[in-house]
Amino acid sequence: MKNLDYTLILAAIAIIALGLVTIASATQATSVSGEANFVFIWKQLLGIALGTSAFVFFLFWRYEELAKYVKVLYGANLAVLLAVLLVGHSAGGAQRWVQIGPFLFQPSEFAKLVVIIGLAFFLSQREGRLDRFRDLLPALAYVGVPALLILAQPDLGTAVVFIAVTVGMLYIAGARPLWLGTLALGGLGSMVVWIWAHLNHGIWIPLKDYQIGRLTIFLDPWSDWQGAGYHMIQSQIAIGSGGLWGRGLFSGSQNQLHFLPEQHTDFIFSVLAEELGFIGVVILLSLFFILIYRGVRIAAQAKDQFGTLLATGIVSMLTFHVLTNVGMATGIMPVTGLPLPLFSYGPSSMVATLTALGLLGNVWLRRQMIVF
């Protein structure tokens, strides 16, 4: 017990607690009675309970044992993602969920972690053999199949997370930065050209029109301030009106008067910024910095390449989520719908993130190699 990373654990607990308070404020705005919508809070608490159980299990179960189940996990992951496309639950123009009783389960949240585990094992077996571009192709194909299934839902945000995770893990695994830079720029350029071709020549693209609008409107949200740019403009107004100390919990006008859309999910950062101000934002981002810093340290001190790559993938995923969600709320990145880990409402995201942190703590716990 003395070898646990208590800094990591305490930072996660603080983010979750602050998130619950902010969700209560955000759901009060959407409640008919004017009180916090406790349905969301109870579901989030259920996600925390399940996630804590997963955290404890994966914290103490030897992470090296995961290598035995990589093929099974990868196959099951593809099967579930296919099932989402065939019998999944649709909401908001996307088909991303599987309904289990009264609860909606989002497999793509867990798909990210499964891909990280599989890619970590895959690359650890190829240490020192990633010098040529063709050496990267098997890894890209390994990640590409589930990424395409998720893109078909359509869920561009999660698919892009796969790219960020893959680049980070390939870099640590020894791939040449030149090839990685070429891949990243090539992928970004291809996406831009594809969207341009769709808008100007009607080329098919696996995205809805409203999603394409959200991806491009961040360059000039006021050009369609009542349509695609509305989310981003209201978010910026909420953040700006918070000032230094904020308007106070349950007192933000943009939030409570329901101007801010998706308050408890995509734009929960804006709720925090409006009600707790710059000070609240600094506290939250400092907690995320601690979480990510500890993850980088764990990756650096892992006892083997598999542990290093596993921690790298998790850190890359968390970092990309935080940067994208905050960038989306502040208007410097497109609206992709990625949640703020441990903070946004979403039981599936909560369970997946706590599972990932359990694995991260496991790598730290077993960082010392015993030699007889």
Protein backbone atom coordinates (compact mmCIF):
# COMPACT_ATOMS: atom_id res chain seq x y z
CA MET A 1 0.00 0.00 0.00
CA LYS A 2 2.88 2.37 0.70
CA ASN A 3 3.95 2.14 -2.97
CA LEU A 4 0.67 3.46 -4.34
CA ASP A 5 0.74 6.78 -6.20
CA TYR A 6 -1.41 8.75 -3.76
CA THR A 7 -0.83 12.01 -5.63
CA LEU A 8 -2.46 10.50 -8.73
CA ILE A 9 -5.35 9.12 -6.68
CA LEU A 10 -6.01 12.35 -4.77
CA ALA A 11 -5.91 14.44 -7.96
CA ALA A 12 -8.46 12.11 -9.58
CA ILE A 13 -10.73 12.28 -6.51
CA ALA A 14 -10.58 16.08 -6.48
CA ILE A 15 -11.50 16.30 -10.19
CA ILE A 16 -14.43 13.90 -9.70
CA ALA A 17 -15.74 15.82 -6.68
CA LEU A 18 -15.51 19.17 -8.47
CA GLY A 19 -17.20 17.59 -11.48
CA LEU A 20 -20.15 16.33 -9.42
CA VAL A 21 -20.78 19.82 -8.03
CA THR A 22 -20.59 21.33 -11.52
CA ILE A 23 -22.91 18.68 -12.98
CA ALA A 24 -25.44 19.50 -10.23
CA SER A 25 -25.33 23.15 -11.28
CA ALA A 26 -25.49 22.34 -14.99
CA THR A 27 -28.46 19.97 -14.63
CA GLN A 28 -30.37 22.46 -12.48
CA ALA A 29 -30.62 24.61 -15.61
CA THR A 30 -32.32 21.81 -17.56
CA SER A 31 -34.62 20.68 -14.74
CA VAL A 32 -38.30 21.61 -14.90
CA SER A 33 -38.51 22.10 -11.12
CA GLY A 34 -35.47 24.36 -10.99
CA GLU A 35 -33.59 21.89 -8.81
CA ALA A 36 -30.62 19.75 -9.76
CA ASN A 37 -31.66 16.83 -11.95
CA PHE A 38 -30.61 14.00 -9.66
CA VAL A 39 -31.11 11.39 -12.39
CA PHE A 40 -27.85 12.55 -13.95
CA ILE A 41 -26.09 12.71 -10.61
CA TRP A 42 -27.18 9.21 -9.60
CA LYS A 43 -26.08 7.80 -12.95
CA GLN A 44 -22.74 9.57 -12.58
CA LEU A 45 -22.38 8.16 -9.06
CA LEU A 46 -23.10 4.70 -10.46
CA GLY A 47 -20.35 5.24 -13.03
CA ILE A 48 -18.00 6.33 -10.24
CA ALA A 49 -18.85 3.21 -8.20
CA LEU A 50 -18.29 0.85 -11.15
CA GLY A 51 -15.18 2.77 -12.18
CA THR A 52 -13.74 2.60 -8.66
CA SER A 53 -14.23 -1.18 -8.65
CA ALA A 54 -12.45 -1.41 -12.01
CA PHE A 55 -9.72 0.92 -10.73
CA VAL A 56 -9.02 -1.29 -7.70
CA PHE A 57 -9.08 -4.50 -9.77
CA PHE A 58 -6.68 -3.25 -12.44
CA LEU A 59 -4.50 -1.54 -9.85
CA PHE A 60 -3.58 -4.80 -8.16
CA TRP A 61 -3.88 -7.32 -11.01
CA ARG A 62 -0.48 -7.69 -12.70
CA TYR A 63 -0.59 -5.60 -15.86
CA GLU A 64 1.82 -8.02 -17.56
CA GLU A 65 -1.02 -10.56 -17.62
CA LEU A 66 -2.90 -8.37 -20.10
CA ALA A 67 -0.58 -9.60 -22.85
CA LYS A 68 -2.30 -13.01 -22.72
CA TYR A 69 -5.68 -11.49 -23.57
CA VAL A 70 -4.73 -8.99 -26.27
CA LYS A 71 -6.22 -11.01 -29.17
CA VAL A 72 -9.42 -11.76 -27.27
CA LEU A 73 -9.84 -8.12 -26.24
CA TYR A 74 -9.20 -6.87 -29.77
CA GLY A 75 -11.67 -9.33 -31.31
CA ALA A 76 -14.35 -8.56 -28.72
CA ASN A 77 -13.77 -4.84 -29.27
CA LEU A 78 -14.40 -5.15 -33.01
CA ALA A 79 -17.49 -7.30 -32.41
CA VAL A 80 -19.03 -4.77 -30.02
CA LEU A 81 -18.28 -1.86 -32.37
CA LEU A 82 -19.95 -3.75 -35.21
CA ALA A 83 -22.94 -4.42 -32.96
CA VAL A 84 -23.27 -0.68 -32.31
CA LEU A 85 -23.62 -0.06 -36.06
CA LEU A 86 -26.22 -2.82 -36.41
CA VAL A 87 -28.38 -2.56 -33.29
CA GLY A 88 -27.04 0.50 -31.48
CA HIS A 89 -29.12 3.24 -29.90
CA SER A 90 -29.28 6.53 -31.81
CA ALA A 91 -29.33 9.99 -30.26
CA GLY A 92 -28.44 13.43 -31.58
CA GLY A 93 -27.90 12.11 -35.11
CA ALA A 94 -25.30 9.53 -34.08
CA GLN A 95 -25.48 5.81 -33.33
CA ARG A 96 -22.89 5.31 -30.58
CA TRP A 97 -24.66 3.54 -27.72
CA VAL A 98 -25.88 0.11 -26.69
CA GLN A 99 -28.87 0.10 -24.36
CA ILE A 100 -28.67 -2.18 -21.30
CA GLY A 101 -31.92 -1.79 -19.37
CA PRO A 102 -32.37 1.89 -18.47
CA PHE A 103 -28.69 2.66 -19.11
CA LEU A 104 -26.85 3.60 -22.29
CA PHE A 105 -23.39 2.07 -22.68
CA GLN A 106 -20.90 3.71 -25.06
CA PRO A 107 -18.44 1.07 -26.34
CA SER A 108 -16.15 3.59 -28.06
CA GLU A 109 -15.00 4.85 -24.63
CA PHE A 110 -13.65 1.39 -23.82
CA ALA A 111 -12.41 0.82 -27.37
CA LYS A 112 -9.74 3.48 -26.78
CA LEU A 113 -8.36 1.59 -23.79
CA VAL A 114 -8.47 -1.77 -25.58
CA VAL A 115 -6.52 -0.31 -28.50
CA ILE A 116 -3.95 1.18 -26.11
CA ILE A 117 -3.41 -2.20 -24.42
CA GLY A 118 -3.14 -4.05 -27.73
CA LEU A 119 -0.88 -1.48 -29.37
CA ALA A 120 1.39 -1.38 -26.31
CA PHE A 121 1.92 -5.14 -26.55
CA PHE A 122 2.21 -5.00 -30.35
CA LEU A 123 4.93 -2.33 -30.27
CA SER A 124 6.78 -3.83 -27.30
CA GLN A 125 7.37 -6.92 -29.44
CA ARG A 126 8.90 -4.74 -32.17
CA GLU A 127 11.32 -2.68 -30.13
CA GLY A 128 14.14 -1.39 -32.33
CA ARG A 129 12.34 -2.37 -35.55
CA LEU A 130 10.46 0.80 -36.42
CA ASP A 131 13.06 2.65 -38.48
CA ARG A 132 11.36 2.40 -41.88
CA PHE A 133 7.96 3.72 -42.88
CA ARG A 134 6.74 0.27 -43.88
CA ASP A 135 7.49 -0.91 -40.32
CA LEU A 136 4.73 1.42 -39.12
CA LEU A 137 2.05 0.05 -41.45
CA PRO A 138 1.06 -2.99 -39.30
CA ALA A 139 0.55 -0.70 -36.28
CA LEU A 140 -1.50 1.75 -38.36
CA ALA A 141 -3.67 -1.09 -39.68
CA TYR A 142 -4.12 -2.42 -36.13
CA VAL A 143 -5.50 0.93 -34.98
CA GLY A 144 -7.21 1.79 -38.26
CA VAL A 145 -9.85 -0.95 -38.22
CA PRO A 146 -11.55 0.05 -34.93
CA ALA A 147 -11.03 3.73 -35.79
CA LEU A 148 -12.99 3.30 -39.04
CA LEU A 149 -15.81 1.49 -37.22
CA ILE A 150 -16.04 4.40 -34.77
CA LEU A 151 -15.90 6.95 -37.59
CA ALA A 152 -18.89 5.19 -39.16
CA GLN A 153 -21.06 5.86 -36.06
CA PRO A 154 -20.15 8.77 -36.79
CA ASP A 155 -17.79 9.82 -33.99
CA LEU A 156 -14.95 11.86 -35.45
CA GLY A 157 -13.69 13.03 -32.04
CA THR A 158 -12.98 9.53 -30.74
CA ALA A 159 -11.44 8.50 -34.06
CA VAL A 160 -9.04 11.44 -33.83
CA VAL A 161 -8.12 10.36 -30.28
CA PHE A 162 -6.83 7.12 -31.83
CA ILE A 163 -4.50 9.15 -34.03
CA ALA A 164 -3.11 11.12 -31.07
CA VAL A 165 -2.60 7.95 -29.02
CA THR A 166 -0.93 6.13 -31.91
CA VAL A 167 1.50 8.98 -32.65
CA GLY A 168 2.48 9.27 -28.98
CA MET A 169 3.04 5.54 -28.56
CA LEU A 170 4.95 5.17 -31.83
CA TYR A 171 7.26 8.02 -30.84
CA ILE A 172 8.11 6.41 -27.50
CA ALA A 173 8.47 3.03 -29.22
CA GLY A 174 11.27 4.46 -31.37
CA ALA A 175 9.60 5.50 -34.63
CA ARG A 176 11.36 8.31 -36.49
CA PRO A 177 9.85 11.76 -35.81
CA LEU A 178 10.00 12.53 -39.54
CA TRP A 179 7.62 9.68 -40.36
CA LEU A 180 5.31 10.57 -37.49
CA GLY A 181 5.20 14.21 -38.54
CA THR A 182 4.48 13.19 -42.11
CA LEU A 183 1.65 10.92 -40.95
CA ALA A 184 0.12 13.56 -38.70
CA LEU A 185 0.27 16.34 -41.30
CA GLY A 186 -0.84 13.95 -44.03
CA GLY A 187 -3.83 12.82 -42.00
CA LEU A 188 -4.83 16.38 -41.14
CA GLY A 189 -4.36 17.51 -44.72
CA SER A 190 -6.40 14.58 -46.05
CA MET A 191 -9.24 15.39 -43.69
CA VAL A 192 -9.25 19.05 -44.73
CA VAL A 193 -9.23 18.12 -48.44
CA TRP A 194 -12.00 15.54 -47.89
CA ILE A 195 -14.24 18.08 -46.16
CA TRP A 196 -13.49 20.68 -48.86
CA ALA A 197 -14.34 18.16 -51.59
CA HIS A 198 -17.60 17.29 -49.84
CA LEU A 199 -18.65 20.91 -49.46
CA ASN A 200 -17.72 21.92 -53.01
CA HIS A 201 -18.23 18.75 -55.07
CA GLY A 202 -20.58 16.59 -52.99
CA ILE A 203 -18.03 13.84 -52.31
CA TRP A 204 -19.37 11.38 -49.72
CA ILE A 205 -18.05 11.72 -46.18
CA PRO A 206 -19.04 9.67 -43.07
CA LEU A 207 -20.23 12.77 -41.19
CA LYS A 208 -23.53 14.58 -40.85
CA ASP A 209 -23.85 18.12 -42.21
CA TYR A 210 -24.19 19.57 -38.71
CA GLN A 211 -20.97 17.84 -37.67
CA ILE A 212 -19.09 19.28 -40.62
CA GLY A 213 -20.49 22.69 -39.72
CA ARG A 214 -19.18 22.39 -36.17
CA LEU A 215 -15.74 21.35 -37.45
CA THR A 216 -15.39 24.39 -39.68
CA ILE A 217 -17.33 27.09 -37.85
CA PHE A 218 -14.70 27.68 -35.16
CA LEU A 219 -12.73 29.75 -37.69
CA ASP A 220 -15.58 32.31 -37.74
CA PRO A 221 -18.48 31.34 -35.42
CA TRP A 222 -20.24 34.70 -35.97
CA SER A 223 -20.80 33.83 -39.63
CA ASP A 224 -23.60 31.54 -38.44
CA TRP A 225 -24.24 32.76 -34.92
CA GLN A 226 -27.76 31.32 -34.74
CA GLY A 227 -26.78 27.96 -36.22
CA ALA A 228 -23.48 26.07 -36.15
CA GLY A 229 -21.64 28.85 -34.32
CA TYR A 230 -24.20 29.18 -31.51
CA HIS A 231 -22.58 26.60 -29.20
CA MET A 232 -19.15 28.17 -29.39
CA ILE A 233 -20.36 31.76 -29.01
CA GLN A 234 -22.44 30.98 -25.92
CA SER A 235 -19.51 29.08 -24.44
CA GLN A 236 -17.16 32.03 -24.94
CA ILE A 237 -19.71 34.40 -23.39
CA ALA A 238 -20.03 32.11 -20.36
CA ILE A 239 -16.26 31.88 -19.88
CA GLY A 240 -15.76 35.63 -20.31
CA SER A 241 -18.55 36.54 -17.90
CA GLY A 242 -16.98 34.49 -15.11
CA GLY A 243 -14.26 37.04 -14.44
CA LEU A 244 -11.76 36.34 -11.68
CA TRP A 245 -13.95 34.77 -9.00
CA GLY A 246 -17.00 33.74 -11.02
CA ARG A 247 -20.68 34.42 -10.52
CA GLY A 248 -21.03 31.74 -7.87
CA LEU A 249 -22.26 28.16 -8.00
CA PHE A 250 -25.80 27.81 -9.40
CA SER A 251 -25.69 31.50 -10.36
CA GLY A 252 -24.24 31.59 -13.86
CA SER A 253 -26.64 33.36 -16.23
CA GLN A 254 -25.52 31.56 -19.40
CA ASN A 255 -25.86 28.22 -17.62
CA GLN A 256 -28.96 28.74 -15.49
CA LEU A 257 -30.94 30.59 -18.19
CA HIS A 258 -30.19 27.73 -20.58
CA PHE A 259 -28.30 29.75 -23.19
CA LEU A 260 -25.36 27.37 -22.94
CA PRO A 261 -26.06 24.08 -24.74
CA GLU A 262 -24.90 20.64 -23.56
CA GLN A 263 -24.00 22.13 -20.17
CA HIS A 264 -23.34 18.85 -18.35
CA THR A 265 -21.38 17.13 -21.13
CA ASP A 266 -19.51 18.92 -23.92
CA PHE A 267 -19.47 22.41 -22.37
CA ILE A 268 -19.20 21.67 -18.66
CA PHE A 269 -15.86 23.51 -18.61
CA SER A 270 -17.76 26.67 -19.57
CA VAL A 271 -20.13 26.16 -16.62
CA LEU A 272 -17.17 25.96 -14.25
CA ALA A 273 -15.52 29.03 -15.80
CA GLU A 274 -18.69 31.12 -15.51
CA GLU A 275 -19.57 30.11 -11.94
CA LEU A 276 -16.11 29.74 -10.35
CA GLY A 277 -14.21 32.11 -12.63
CA PHE A 278 -10.52 32.16 -13.47
CA ILE A 279 -9.63 30.80 -10.02
CA GLY A 280 -11.83 27.73 -10.54
CA VAL A 281 -10.33 27.16 -13.98
CA VAL A 282 -6.78 27.36 -12.60
CA ILE A 283 -7.63 24.84 -9.87
CA LEU A 284 -9.16 22.38 -12.34
CA LEU A 285 -6.36 22.67 -14.91
CA SER A 286 -3.76 22.34 -12.14
CA LEU A 287 -5.38 19.07 -11.06
CA PHE A 288 -5.26 17.81 -14.63
CA PHE A 289 -1.63 18.91 -14.89
CA ILE A 290 -0.81 16.87 -11.77
CA LEU A 291 -2.62 13.85 -13.21
CA ILE A 292 -0.80 14.05 -16.54
CA TYR A 293 2.58 14.84 -14.93
CA ARG A 294 2.29 11.77 -12.72
CA GLY A 295 1.39 9.73 -15.80
CA VAL A 296 4.51 10.93 -17.62
CA ARG A 297 6.64 10.05 -14.61
CA ILE A 298 5.08 6.59 -14.42
CA ALA A 299 5.82 6.01 -18.11
CA ALA A 300 9.44 7.11 -17.60
CA GLN A 301 10.02 4.78 -14.64
CA ALA A 302 8.17 1.66 -15.84
CA LYS A 303 10.17 -1.52 -15.51
CA ASP A 304 9.57 -2.75 -19.07
CA GLN A 305 8.66 -1.50 -22.54
CA PHE A 306 5.11 -2.83 -22.30
CA GLY A 307 4.51 -0.79 -19.13
CA THR A 308 6.09 2.31 -20.65
CA LEU A 309 3.93 2.13 -23.77
CA LEU A 310 0.79 1.34 -21.77
CA ALA A 311 1.32 4.43 -19.60
CA THR A 312 2.23 6.53 -22.67
CA GLY A 313 -1.01 5.59 -24.42
CA ILE A 314 -3.11 6.46 -21.37
CA VAL A 315 -1.33 9.79 -20.86
CA SER A 316 -1.70 10.64 -24.57
CA MET A 317 -5.42 9.90 -24.40
CA LEU A 318 -6.00 12.00 -21.28
CA THR A 319 -3.91 14.91 -22.57
CA PHE A 320 -5.68 14.99 -25.93
CA HIS A 321 -9.09 14.89 -24.24
CA VAL A 322 -8.25 17.80 -21.94
CA LEU A 323 -6.69 19.96 -24.66
CA THR A 324 -9.52 19.30 -27.10
CA ASN A 325 -12.38 19.85 -24.65
CA VAL A 326 -10.91 23.06 -23.22
CA GLY A 327 -9.94 24.27 -26.70
CA MET A 328 -13.46 23.55 -27.92
CA ALA A 329 -15.02 25.49 -25.05
CA THR A 330 -12.71 28.48 -25.53
CA GLY A 331 -13.20 28.57 -29.30
CA ILE A 332 -9.69 27.70 -30.48
CA MET A 333 -10.52 24.15 -31.63
CA PRO A 334 -13.46 22.57 -33.48
CA VAL A 335 -16.45 21.21 -31.55
CA THR A 336 -15.86 17.46 -31.53
CA GLY A 337 -17.87 16.35 -28.51
CA LEU A 338 -15.00 14.85 -26.52
CA PRO A 339 -15.71 14.78 -22.75
CA LEU A 340 -13.47 16.26 -20.08
CA PRO A 341 -12.14 13.12 -18.31
CA LEU A 342 -13.54 12.48 -14.81
CA PHE A 343 -15.34 15.83 -14.97
CA SER A 344 -18.01 15.76 -17.69
CA TYR A 345 -21.20 13.77 -17.21
CA GLY A 346 -20.90 10.32 -18.76
CA PRO A 347 -20.88 7.03 -16.81
CA SER A 348 -19.16 5.13 -19.66
CA SER A 349 -16.39 7.71 -19.85
CA MET A 350 -16.02 7.65 -16.05
CA VAL A 351 -15.65 3.85 -15.90
CA ALA A 352 -13.21 3.78 -18.83
CA THR A 353 -11.08 6.61 -17.40
CA LEU A 354 -10.89 5.10 -13.91
CA THR A 355 -9.96 1.75 -15.45
CA ALA A 356 -7.15 3.49 -17.35
CA LEU A 357 -5.94 5.19 -14.15
CA GLY A 358 -5.97 1.81 -12.40
CA LEU A 359 -3.62 0.45 -15.06
CA LEU A 360 -1.47 3.56 -14.75
CA GLY A 361 -1.19 3.06 -10.99
CA ASN A 362 -0.41 -0.61 -11.59
CA VAL A 363 2.59 0.24 -13.77
CA TRP A 364 3.86 2.53 -10.98
CA LEU A 365 3.22 -0.07 -8.29
CA ARG A 366 5.33 -2.66 -10.13
CA ARG A 367 8.03 -0.33 -11.43
CA GLN A 368 10.79 -2.05 -9.44
CA MET A 369 12.01 -5.20 -11.14
CA ILE A 370 12.86 -8.04 -8.73
CA VAL A 371 16.08 -9.80 -9.71
CA PHE A 372 17.13 -13.09 -8.08
